[in-house]
Amino acid sequence: MRKKEMMLVVTFHTTADAMAMEQNCKQDGVPGRLIPVPRAISAGCGLAWCAPPESAGQVRAAMARVGLEPEALHECLV
């Protein structure tokens, strides 16, 4: 079983936004991956971007570059 660790979890209003985030981050080399939204978090779509907390600046910059608006940013055990 995988050990849970504190991560930055970005939720989105739509699945299309989550998929755009994944594509943009992979192109720009921003760390993270798409995950199902953790049960502790409620979100409009079922996908979230999960990244190390120290990459929060990179994640926010990646969203700003393509005009993505997150639903919320959380730090939680994933």
PDB file of N, CA and C in Angstrom:
ATOM      1  N   MET A   1       0.839  -1.186   0.000  1.00  0.00           N
ATOM      2  CA  MET A   1       0.000   0.000   0.000  1.00  0.00           C
ATOM      3  C   MET A   1       0.884   1.250   0.000  1.00  0.00           C
ATOM      4  N   ARG A   2       0.481   2.204  -0.760  1.00  0.00           N
ATOM      5  CA  ARG A   2       1.230   3.443  -0.913  1.00  0.00           C
ATOM      6  C   ARG A   2       1.105   4.313   0.338  1.00  0.00           C
ATOM      7  N   LYS A   3       2.228   4.892   0.773  1.00  0.00           N
ATOM      8  CA  LYS A   3       2.226   5.770   1.944  1.00  0.00           C
ATOM      9  C   LYS A   3       1.638   7.125   1.560  1.00  0.00           C
ATOM     10  N   LYS A   4       0.707   7.623   2.377  1.00  0.00           N
ATOM     11  CA  LYS A   4       0.097   8.931   2.104  1.00  0.00           C
ATOM     12  C   LYS A   4       1.059  10.033   2.515  1.00  0.00           C
ATOM     13  N   GLU A   5       1.067  11.091   1.713  1.00  0.00           N
ATOM     14  CA  GLU A   5       1.902  12.241   2.029  1.00  0.00           C
ATOM     15  C   GLU A   5       1.137  13.520   1.711  1.00  0.00           C
ATOM     16  N   MET A   6       1.560  14.620   2.308  1.00  0.00           N
ATOM     17  CA  MET A   6       0.918  15.910   2.092  1.00  0.00           C
ATOM     18  C   MET A   6       1.168  16.360   0.663  1.00  0.00           C
ATOM     19  N   MET A   7       0.086  16.695  -0.046  1.00  0.00           N
ATOM     20  CA  MET A   7       0.176  17.110  -1.437  1.00  0.00           C
ATOM     21  C   MET A   7      -0.712  18.323  -1.682  1.00  0.00           C
ATOM     22  N   LEU A   8      -0.395  19.060  -2.726  1.00  0.00           N
ATOM     23  CA  LEU A   8      -1.238  20.139  -3.208  1.00  0.00           C
ATOM     24  C   LEU A   8      -2.258  19.500  -4.150  1.00  0.00           C
ATOM     25  N   VAL A   9      -3.544  19.729  -3.894  1.00  0.00           N
ATOM     26  CA  VAL A   9      -4.606  19.173  -4.733  1.00  0.00           C
ATOM     27  C   VAL A   9      -5.417  20.330  -5.302  1.00  0.00           C
ATOM     28  N   VAL A  10      -5.444  20.417  -6.627  1.00  0.00           N
ATOM     29  CA  VAL A  10      -6.171  21.476  -7.321  1.00  0.00           C
ATOM     30  C   VAL A  10      -7.436  20.868  -7.921  1.00  0.00           C
ATOM     31  N   THR A  11      -8.593  21.405  -7.534  1.00  0.00           N
ATOM     32  CA  THR A  11      -9.848  20.920  -8.102  1.00  0.00           C
ATOM     33  C   THR A  11     -10.332  21.897  -9.172  1.00  0.00           C
ATOM     34  N   PHE A  12     -11.147  21.380 -10.078  1.00  0.00           N
ATOM     35  CA  PHE A  12     -11.621  22.156 -11.220  1.00  0.00           C
ATOM     36  C   PHE A  12     -13.138  22.080 -11.331  1.00  0.00           C
ATOM     37  N   HIS A  13     -13.711  23.056 -12.017  1.00  0.00           N
ATOM     38  CA  HIS A  13     -15.151  23.091 -12.231  1.00  0.00           C
ATOM     39  C   HIS A  13     -15.588  22.041 -13.247  1.00  0.00           C
ATOM     40  N   THR A  14     -14.739  21.768 -14.236  1.00  0.00           N
ATOM     41  CA  THR A  14     -15.120  20.831 -15.301  1.00  0.00           C
ATOM     42  C   THR A  14     -13.991  19.842 -15.586  1.00  0.00           C
ATOM     43  N   THR A  15     -14.365  18.712 -16.145  1.00  0.00           N
ATOM     44  CA  THR A  15     -13.390  17.712 -16.551  1.00  0.00           C
ATOM     45  C   THR A  15     -12.494  18.270 -17.655  1.00  0.00           C
ATOM     46  N   ALA A  16     -13.058  19.073 -18.544  1.00  0.00           N
ATOM     47  CA  ALA A  16     -12.270  19.677 -19.624  1.00  0.00           C
ATOM     48  C   ALA A  16     -11.134  20.531 -19.060  1.00  0.00           C
ATOM     49  N   ASP A  17     -11.398  21.277 -17.988  1.00  0.00           N
ATOM     50  CA  ASP A  17     -10.346  22.086 -17.349  1.00  0.00           C
ATOM     51  C   ASP A  17      -9.250  21.189 -16.773  1.00  0.00           C
ATOM     52  N   ALA A  18      -9.651  20.094 -16.136  1.00  0.00           N
ATOM     53  CA  ALA A  18      -8.675  19.168 -15.554  1.00  0.00           C
ATOM     54  C   ALA A  18      -7.796  18.562 -16.645  1.00  0.00           C
ATOM     55  N   MET A  19      -8.398  18.192 -17.770  1.00  0.00           N
ATOM     56  CA  MET A  19      -7.644  17.605 -18.875  1.00  0.00           C
ATOM     57  C   MET A  19      -6.710  18.650 -19.503  1.00  0.00           C
ATOM     58  N   ALA A  20      -7.169  19.890 -19.606  1.00  0.00           N
ATOM     59  CA  ALA A  20      -6.324  20.963 -20.134  1.00  0.00           C
ATOM     60  C   ALA A  20      -5.133  21.200 -19.208  1.00  0.00           C
ATOM     61  N   MET A  21      -5.359  21.107 -17.915  1.00  0.00           N
ATOM     62  CA  MET A  21      -4.285  21.270 -16.936  1.00  0.00           C
ATOM     63  C   MET A  21      -3.225  20.186 -17.137  1.00  0.00           C
ATOM     64  N   GLU A  22      -3.679  18.955 -17.298  1.00  0.00           N
ATOM     65  CA  GLU A  22      -2.741  17.850 -17.496  1.00  0.00           C
ATOM     66  C   GLU A  22      -1.903  18.073 -18.756  1.00  0.00           C
ATOM     67  N   GLN A  23      -2.543  18.419 -19.846  1.00  0.00           N
ATOM     68  CA  GLN A  23      -1.837  18.627 -21.103  1.00  0.00           C
ATOM     69  C   GLN A  23      -0.820  19.771 -20.977  1.00  0.00           C
ATOM     70  N   ASN A  24      -1.236  20.875 -20.389  1.00  0.00           N
ATOM     71  CA  ASN A  24      -0.363  22.037 -20.238  1.00  0.00           C
ATOM     72  C   ASN A  24       0.832  21.722 -19.329  1.00  0.00           C
ATOM     73  N   CYS A  25       0.568  21.056 -18.217  1.00  0.00           N
ATOM     74  CA  CYS A  25       1.649  20.755 -17.272  1.00  0.00           C
ATOM     75  C   CYS A  25       2.651  19.769 -17.861  1.00  0.00           C
ATOM     76  N   LYS A  26       2.185  18.789 -18.597  1.00  0.00           N
ATOM     77  CA  LYS A  26       3.102  17.835 -19.224  1.00  0.00           C
ATOM     78  C   LYS A  26       3.988  18.538 -20.254  1.00  0.00           C
ATOM     79  N   GLN A  27       3.418  19.448 -21.035  1.00  0.00           N
ATOM     80  CA  GLN A  27       4.200  20.190 -22.031  1.00  0.00           C
ATOM     81  C   GLN A  27       5.247  21.078 -21.374  1.00  0.00           C
ATOM     82  N   ASP A  28       4.879  21.695 -20.240  1.00  0.00           N
ATOM     83  CA  ASP A  28       5.777  22.650 -19.576  1.00  0.00           C
ATOM     84  C   ASP A  28       6.664  22.011 -18.510  1.00  0.00           C
ATOM     85  N   GLY A  29       6.525  20.702 -18.283  1.00  0.00           N
ATOM     86  CA  GLY A  29       7.352  20.024 -17.291  1.00  0.00           C
ATOM     87  C   GLY A  29       6.996  20.355 -15.852  1.00  0.00           C
ATOM     88  N   VAL A  30       5.745  20.731 -15.604  1.00  0.00           N
ATOM     89  CA  VAL A  30       5.294  21.030 -14.242  1.00  0.00           C
ATOM     90  C   VAL A  30       4.988  19.705 -13.549  1.00  0.00           C
ATOM     91  N   PRO A  31       5.520  19.487 -12.345  1.00  0.00           N
ATOM     92  CA  PRO A  31       5.305  18.216 -11.671  1.00  0.00           C
ATOM     93  C   PRO A  31       3.847  18.004 -11.267  1.00  0.00           C
ATOM     94  N   GLY A  32       3.439  16.742 -11.243  1.00  0.00           N
ATOM     95  CA  GLY A  32       2.101  16.385 -10.788  1.00  0.00           C
ATOM     96  C   GLY A  32       1.437  15.398 -11.712  1.00  0.00           C
ATOM     97  N   ARG A  33       0.195  15.053 -11.330  1.00  0.00           N
ATOM     98  CA  ARG A  33      -0.580  14.100 -12.121  1.00  0.00           C
ATOM     99  C   ARG A  33      -2.055  14.265 -11.814  1.00  0.00           C
ATOM    100  N   LEU A  34      -2.905  13.771 -12.711  1.00  0.00           N
ATOM    101  CA  LEU A  34      -4.346  13.784 -12.463  1.00  0.00           C
ATOM    102  C   LEU A  34      -4.688  12.628 -11.540  1.00  0.00           C
ATOM    103  N   ILE A  35      -5.575  12.899 -10.596  1.00  0.00           N
ATOM    104  CA  ILE A  35      -6.055  11.872  -9.672  1.00  0.00           C
ATOM    105  C   ILE A  35      -7.561  12.035  -9.514  1.00  0.00           C
ATOM    106  N   PRO A  36      -8.249  10.992  -9.040  1.00  0.00           N
ATOM    107  CA  PRO A  36      -9.648  11.188  -8.648  1.00  0.00           C
ATOM    108  C   PRO A  36      -9.677  12.115  -7.433  1.00  0.00           C
ATOM    109  N   VAL A  37     -10.694  12.948  -7.333  1.00  0.00           N
ATOM    110  CA  VAL A  37     -10.793  13.874  -6.203  1.00  0.00           C
ATOM    111  C   VAL A  37     -10.874  13.064  -4.904  1.00  0.00           C
ATOM    112  N   PRO A  38     -10.009  13.366  -3.927  1.00  0.00           N
ATOM    113  CA  PRO A  38     -10.059  12.661  -2.644  1.00  0.00           C
ATOM    114  C   PRO A  38     -11.422  12.829  -1.969  1.00  0.00           C
ATOM    115  N   ARG A  39     -11.829  11.848  -1.214  1.00  0.00           N
ATOM    116  CA  ARG A  39     -13.146  11.872  -0.556  1.00  0.00           C
ATOM    117  C   ARG A  39     -13.319  13.028   0.402  1.00  0.00           C
ATOM    118  N   ALA A  40     -12.222  13.483   0.981  1.00  0.00           N
ATOM    119  CA  ALA A  40     -12.288  14.581   1.953  1.00  0.00           C
ATOM    120  C   ALA A  40     -12.622  15.916   1.291  1.00  0.00           C
ATOM    121  N   ILE A  41     -12.538  15.964  -0.034  1.00  0.00           N
ATOM    122  CA  ILE A  41     -12.765  17.208  -0.774  1.00  0.00           C
ATOM    123  C   ILE A  41     -13.994  17.044  -1.657  1.00  0.00           C
ATOM    124  N   SER A  42     -14.802  18.083  -1.713  1.00  0.00           N
ATOM    125  CA  SER A  42     -15.949  18.100  -2.621  1.00  0.00           C
ATOM    126  C   SER A  42     -15.577  18.967  -3.810  1.00  0.00           C
ATOM    127  N   ALA A  43     -15.882  18.491  -5.029  1.00  0.00           N
ATOM    128  CA  ALA A  43     -15.510  19.258  -6.220  1.00  0.00           C
ATOM    129  C   ALA A  43     -16.541  19.084  -7.316  1.00  0.00           C
ATOM    130  N   GLY A  44     -16.569  20.052  -8.226  1.00  0.00           N
ATOM    131  CA  GLY A  44     -17.517  20.038  -9.331  1.00  0.00           C
ATOM    132  C   GLY A  44     -17.266  18.923 -10.320  1.00  0.00           C
ATOM    133  N   CYS A  45     -16.009  18.549 -10.513  1.00  0.00           N
ATOM    134  CA  CYS A  45     -15.701  17.446 -11.423  1.00  0.00           C
ATOM    135  C   CYS A  45     -14.952  16.392 -10.629  1.00  0.00           C
ATOM    136  N   GLY A  46     -14.835  15.216 -11.150  1.00  0.00           N
ATOM    137  CA  GLY A  46     -14.247  14.111 -10.408  1.00  0.00           C
ATOM    138  C   GLY A  46     -12.744  14.000 -10.492  1.00  0.00           C
ATOM    139  N   LEU A  47     -12.082  14.941 -11.174  1.00  0.00           N
ATOM    140  CA  LEU A  47     -10.634  14.881 -11.330  1.00  0.00           C
ATOM    141  C   LEU A  47      -9.961  16.075 -10.668  1.00  0.00           C
ATOM    142  N   ALA A  48      -8.739  15.849 -10.196  1.00  0.00           N
ATOM    143  CA  ALA A  48      -7.964  16.919  -9.565  1.00  0.00           C
ATOM    144  C   ALA A  48      -6.508  16.769  -9.981  1.00  0.00           C
ATOM    145  N   TRP A  49      -5.767  17.859  -9.934  1.00  0.00           N
ATOM    146  CA  TRP A  49      -4.326  17.835 -10.194  1.00  0.00           C
ATOM    147  C   TRP A  49      -3.627  17.723  -8.849  1.00  0.00           C
ATOM    148  N   CYS A  50      -2.753  16.753  -8.728  1.00  0.00           N
ATOM    149  CA  CYS A  50      -2.029  16.492  -7.478  1.00  0.00           C
ATOM    150  C   CYS A  50      -0.551  16.752  -7.727  1.00  0.00           C
ATOM    151  N   ALA A  51       0.057  17.579  -6.883  1.00  0.00           N
ATOM    152  CA  ALA A  51       1.464  17.937  -7.057  1.00  0.00           C
ATOM    153  C   ALA A  51       2.103  18.136  -5.689  1.00  0.00           C
ATOM    154  N   PRO A  52       3.420  18.079  -5.634  1.00  0.00           N
ATOM    155  CA  PRO A  52       4.103  18.368  -4.366  1.00  0.00           C
ATOM    156  C   PRO A  52       3.798  19.802  -3.925  1.00  0.00           C
ATOM    157  N   PRO A  53       3.614  20.031  -2.627  1.00  0.00           N
ATOM    158  CA  PRO A  53       3.271  21.372  -2.141  1.00  0.00           C
ATOM    159  C   PRO A  53       4.285  22.441  -2.537  1.00  0.00           C
ATOM    160  N   GLU A  54       5.552  22.068  -2.646  1.00  0.00           N
ATOM    161  CA  GLU A  54       6.581  23.054  -2.983  1.00  0.00           C
ATOM    162  C   GLU A  54       6.495  23.521  -4.439  1.00  0.00           C
ATOM    163  N   SER A  55       5.680  22.859  -5.254  1.00  0.00           N
ATOM    164  CA  SER A  55       5.528  23.278  -6.650  1.00  0.00           C
ATOM    165  C   SER A  55       4.299  24.166  -6.856  1.00  0.00           C
ATOM    166  N   ALA A  56       3.727  24.683  -5.783  1.00  0.00           N
ATOM    167  CA  ALA A  56       2.513  25.508  -5.879  1.00  0.00           C
ATOM    168  C   ALA A  56       2.698  26.694  -6.820  1.00  0.00           C
ATOM    169  N   GLY A  57       3.838  27.340  -6.779  1.00  0.00           N
ATOM    170  CA  GLY A  57       4.094  28.480  -7.653  1.00  0.00           C
ATOM    171  C   GLY A  57       4.082  28.081  -9.118  1.00  0.00           C
ATOM    172  N   GLN A  58       4.718  26.955  -9.435  1.00  0.00           N
ATOM    173  CA  GLN A  58       4.732  26.453 -10.811  1.00  0.00           C
ATOM    174  C   GLN A  58       3.319  26.101 -11.277  1.00  0.00           C
ATOM    175  N   VAL A  59       2.548  25.481 -10.398  1.00  0.00           N
ATOM    176  CA  VAL A  59       1.188  25.068 -10.743  1.00  0.00           C
ATOM    177  C   VAL A  59       0.323  26.295 -11.019  1.00  0.00           C
ATOM    178  N   ARG A  60       0.402  27.291 -10.149  1.00  0.00           N
ATOM    179  CA  ARG A  60      -0.380  28.520 -10.358  1.00  0.00           C
ATOM    180  C   ARG A  60       0.032  29.225 -11.649  1.00  0.00           C
ATOM    181  N   ALA A  61       1.338  29.273 -11.924  1.00  0.00           N
ATOM    182  CA  ALA A  61       1.826  29.912 -13.144  1.00  0.00           C
ATOM    183  C   ALA A  61       1.338  29.169 -14.388  1.00  0.00           C
ATOM    184  N   ALA A  62       1.326  27.840 -14.333  1.00  0.00           N
ATOM    185  CA  ALA A  62       0.853  27.043 -15.470  1.00  0.00           C
ATOM    186  C   ALA A  62      -0.620  27.319 -15.740  1.00  0.00           C
ATOM    187  N   MET A  63      -1.416  27.434 -14.683  1.00  0.00           N
ATOM    188  CA  MET A  63      -2.842  27.726 -14.855  1.00  0.00           C
ATOM    189  C   MET A  63      -3.032  29.125 -15.438  1.00  0.00           C
ATOM    190  N   ALA A  64      -2.267  30.079 -14.959  1.00  0.00           N
ATOM    191  CA  ALA A  64      -2.389  31.457 -15.435  1.00  0.00           C
ATOM    192  C   ALA A  64      -2.020  31.581 -16.914  1.00  0.00           C
ATOM    193  N   ARG A  65      -0.986  30.843 -17.342  1.00  0.00           N
ATOM    194  CA  ARG A  65      -0.541  30.910 -18.741  1.00  0.00           C
ATOM    195  C   ARG A  65      -1.641  30.535 -19.727  1.00  0.00           C
ATOM    196  N   VAL A  66      -2.492  29.573 -19.348  1.00  0.00           N
ATOM    197  CA  VAL A  66      -3.537  29.125 -20.284  1.00  0.00           C
ATOM    198  C   VAL A  66      -4.928  29.582 -19.859  1.00  0.00           C
ATOM    199  N   GLY A  67      -5.006  30.392 -18.821  1.00  0.00           N
ATOM    200  CA  GLY A  67      -6.285  30.947 -18.397  1.00  0.00           C
ATOM    201  C   GLY A  67      -7.201  29.964 -17.687  1.00  0.00           C
ATOM    202  N   LEU A  68      -6.637  28.972 -16.996  1.00  0.00           N
ATOM    203  CA  LEU A  68      -7.455  28.020 -16.241  1.00  0.00           C
ATOM    204  C   LEU A  68      -7.763  28.578 -14.858  1.00  0.00           C
ATOM    205  N   GLU A  69      -8.998  28.465 -14.463  1.00  0.00           N
ATOM    206  CA  GLU A  69      -9.443  28.930 -13.144  1.00  0.00           C
ATOM    207  C   GLU A  69      -9.718  27.706 -12.273  1.00  0.00           C
ATOM    208  N   PRO A  70      -8.953  27.511 -11.198  1.00  0.00           N
ATOM    209  CA  PRO A  70      -9.218  26.360 -10.339  1.00  0.00           C
ATOM    210  C   PRO A  70     -10.491  26.574  -9.529  1.00  0.00           C
ATOM    211  N   GLU A  71     -11.126  25.483  -9.159  1.00  0.00           N
ATOM    212  CA  GLU A  71     -12.252  25.581  -8.243  1.00  0.00           C
ATOM    213  C   GLU A  71     -11.719  25.895  -6.845  1.00  0.00           C
ATOM    214  N   ALA A  72     -10.663  25.161  -6.461  1.00  0.00           N
ATOM    215  CA  ALA A  72     -10.025  25.387  -5.157  1.00  0.00           C
ATOM    216  C   ALA A  72      -8.638  24.737  -5.145  1.00  0.00           C
ATOM    217  N   LEU A  73      -7.807  25.199  -4.225  1.00  0.00           N
ATOM    218  CA  LEU A  73      -6.493  24.585  -3.968  1.00  0.00           C
ATOM    219  C   LEU A  73      -6.499  24.089  -2.539  1.00  0.00           C
ATOM    220  N   HIS A  74      -6.094  22.843  -2.347  1.00  0.00           N
ATOM    221  CA  HIS A  74      -6.096  22.229  -1.024  1.00  0.00           C
ATOM    222  C   HIS A  74      -4.722  21.633  -0.759  1.00  0.00           C
ATOM    223  N   GLU A  75      -4.356  21.551   0.500  1.00  0.00           N
ATOM    224  CA  GLU A  75      -3.218  20.743   0.907  1.00  0.00           C
ATOM    225  C   GLU A  75      -3.791  19.648   1.783  1.00  0.00           C
ATOM    226  N   CYS A  76      -3.621  18.395   1.351  1.00  0.00           N
ATOM    227  CA  CYS A  76      -4.175  17.276   2.107  1.00  0.00           C
ATOM    228  C   CYS A  76      -3.340  16.025   1.884  1.00  0.00           C
ATOM    229  N   LEU A  77      -3.572  15.020   2.717  1.00  0.00           N
ATOM    230  CA  LEU A  77      -2.883  13.748   2.578  1.00  0.00           C
ATOM    231  C   LEU A  77      -3.472  12.967   1.415  1.00  0.00           C
ATOM    232  N   VAL A  78      -2.614  12.569   0.503  1.00  0.00           N
ATOM    233  CA  VAL A  78      -3.037  11.799  -0.659  1.00  0.00           C
ATOM    234  C   VAL A  78      -2.144  10.591  -0.773  1.00  0.00           C
TER     235      VAL A  78
END
